[in-house]
Amino acid sequence: MIKGYKDLKVWQLAIDLVDQIYDVTSAFPSDEKFGLSSQIKRSAVSIPSNIAKGSLAEMETQLIIANRRNFISNTVFNKLSETADRIDKMLFSLRNSLKQKV
């Protein structure tokens, strides 16, 4: 059963692609760090982010990527992820509340 975008195979595959892109672009010449390498990475990150949809889901996707690449610790990732989950639940409740009033 699919509970959210993280359960989608296409999102999972896109996240794996990001890891592969980071690995491949790490071998690019240093003068490409802010050129082609950066653009390819941004494009790759954009794929699962757009599958996720919504700013909160995009941010969570990008935090997952940052954690997988060891740019942020598991502790920081978990703390941010918990806060994002709380916000998601609050937004869900708010949307339901507004729908009932309309």
Protein backbone atom coordinates (compact mmCIF):
# COMPACT_ATOMS: atom_id res chain seq x y z
CA MET A 1 0.00 0.00 0.00
CA ILE A 2 1.33 3.41 -0.97
CA LYS A 3 1.13 5.88 1.92
CA GLY A 4 3.05 8.72 0.33
CA TYR A 5 5.50 9.74 -2.35
CA LYS A 6 8.39 7.95 -0.57
CA ASP A 7 6.66 4.63 -1.29
CA LEU A 8 6.62 5.27 -5.04
CA LYS A 9 9.17 3.17 -6.94
CA VAL A 10 9.76 6.03 -9.37
CA TRP A 11 10.67 8.39 -6.49
CA GLN A 12 13.00 5.75 -4.98
CA LEU A 13 14.70 5.20 -8.34
CA ALA A 14 15.07 8.97 -8.83
CA ILE A 15 16.73 9.22 -5.40
CA ASP A 16 19.14 6.46 -6.42
CA LEU A 17 19.88 8.38 -9.61
CA VAL A 18 20.85 11.43 -7.55
CA ASP A 19 23.41 9.32 -5.68
CA GLN A 20 24.81 8.08 -8.98
CA ILE A 21 24.98 11.61 -10.39
CA TYR A 22 26.85 12.90 -7.33
CA ASP A 23 29.31 10.02 -7.63
CA VAL A 24 29.88 10.59 -11.35
CA THR A 25 30.20 14.38 -11.13
CA SER A 26 32.71 14.12 -8.29
CA ALA A 27 35.21 12.99 -10.93
CA PHE A 28 34.59 16.08 -13.11
CA PRO A 29 37.44 18.60 -13.41
CA SER A 30 37.54 21.14 -10.58
CA ASP A 31 36.90 23.99 -13.03
CA GLU A 32 33.46 22.41 -13.68
CA LYS A 33 32.46 22.52 -9.99
CA PHE A 34 30.19 25.52 -10.55
CA GLY A 35 29.44 24.81 -14.19
CA LEU A 36 28.18 21.62 -15.73
CA SER A 37 28.64 19.55 -12.57
CA SER A 38 26.45 21.89 -10.55
CA GLN A 39 23.76 22.04 -13.22
CA ILE A 40 23.61 18.25 -13.59
CA LYS A 41 23.29 17.84 -9.82
CA ARG A 42 20.52 20.45 -9.60
CA SER A 43 18.66 18.76 -12.45
CA ALA A 44 19.00 15.35 -10.80
CA VAL A 45 17.76 16.67 -7.44
CA SER A 46 14.83 18.29 -9.23
CA ILE A 47 13.52 14.94 -10.51
CA PRO A 48 12.52 13.36 -7.17
CA SER A 49 11.66 16.79 -5.77
CA ASN A 50 9.08 17.33 -8.49
CA ILE A 51 7.70 13.82 -8.04
CA ALA A 52 7.19 14.61 -4.35
CA LYS A 53 5.32 17.88 -5.12
CA GLY A 54 4.79 20.65 -2.63
CA SER A 55 7.50 22.65 -0.90
CA LEU A 56 7.50 20.54 2.27
CA ALA A 57 7.86 17.29 0.33
CA GLU A 58 10.54 18.84 -1.89
CA MET A 59 12.50 19.94 1.16
CA GLU A 60 12.19 16.47 2.72
CA THR A 61 13.43 14.92 -0.52
CA GLN A 62 16.42 17.25 -0.56
CA LEU A 63 17.17 16.52 3.11
CA ILE A 64 17.11 12.79 2.30
CA ILE A 65 19.62 13.43 -0.48
CA ALA A 66 21.80 15.55 1.82
CA ASN A 67 21.72 12.81 4.46
CA ARG A 68 22.51 10.06 1.96
CA ARG A 69 25.47 12.10 0.70
CA ASN A 70 26.62 12.62 4.31
CA PHE A 71 26.25 16.40 4.09
CA ILE A 72 24.15 16.33 7.27
CA SER A 73 24.24 13.91 10.18
CA ASN A 74 21.52 11.37 10.95
CA THR A 75 20.74 13.33 14.13
CA VAL A 76 20.18 16.57 12.23
CA PHE A 77 18.26 14.75 9.51
CA ASN A 78 15.97 13.02 12.03
CA LYS A 79 15.28 16.25 13.91
CA LEU A 80 14.40 18.13 10.72
CA SER A 81 12.36 15.21 9.42
CA GLU A 82 10.34 15.04 12.65
CA THR A 83 9.59 18.75 12.42
CA ALA A 84 8.58 18.37 8.77
CA ASP A 85 6.26 15.49 9.70
CA ARG A 86 4.64 17.62 12.41
CA ILE A 87 4.11 20.45 9.92
CA ASP A 88 2.68 18.00 7.38
CA LYS A 89 0.15 16.69 9.89
CA MET A 90 -0.79 20.23 10.91
CA LEU A 91 -1.26 21.25 7.28
CA PHE A 92 -3.40 18.15 6.64
CA SER A 93 -5.62 19.07 9.61
CA LEU A 94 -5.83 22.67 8.48
CA ARG A 95 -6.87 21.64 4.94
CA ASN A 96 -9.54 19.32 6.32
CA SER A 97 -10.81 22.01 8.64
CA LEU A 98 -11.05 24.53 5.82
CA LYS A 99 -12.83 22.02 3.56
CA GLN A 100 -15.48 21.42 6.22
CA LYS A 101 -16.10 25.15 6.56
CA VAL A 102 -16.61 25.64 2.84
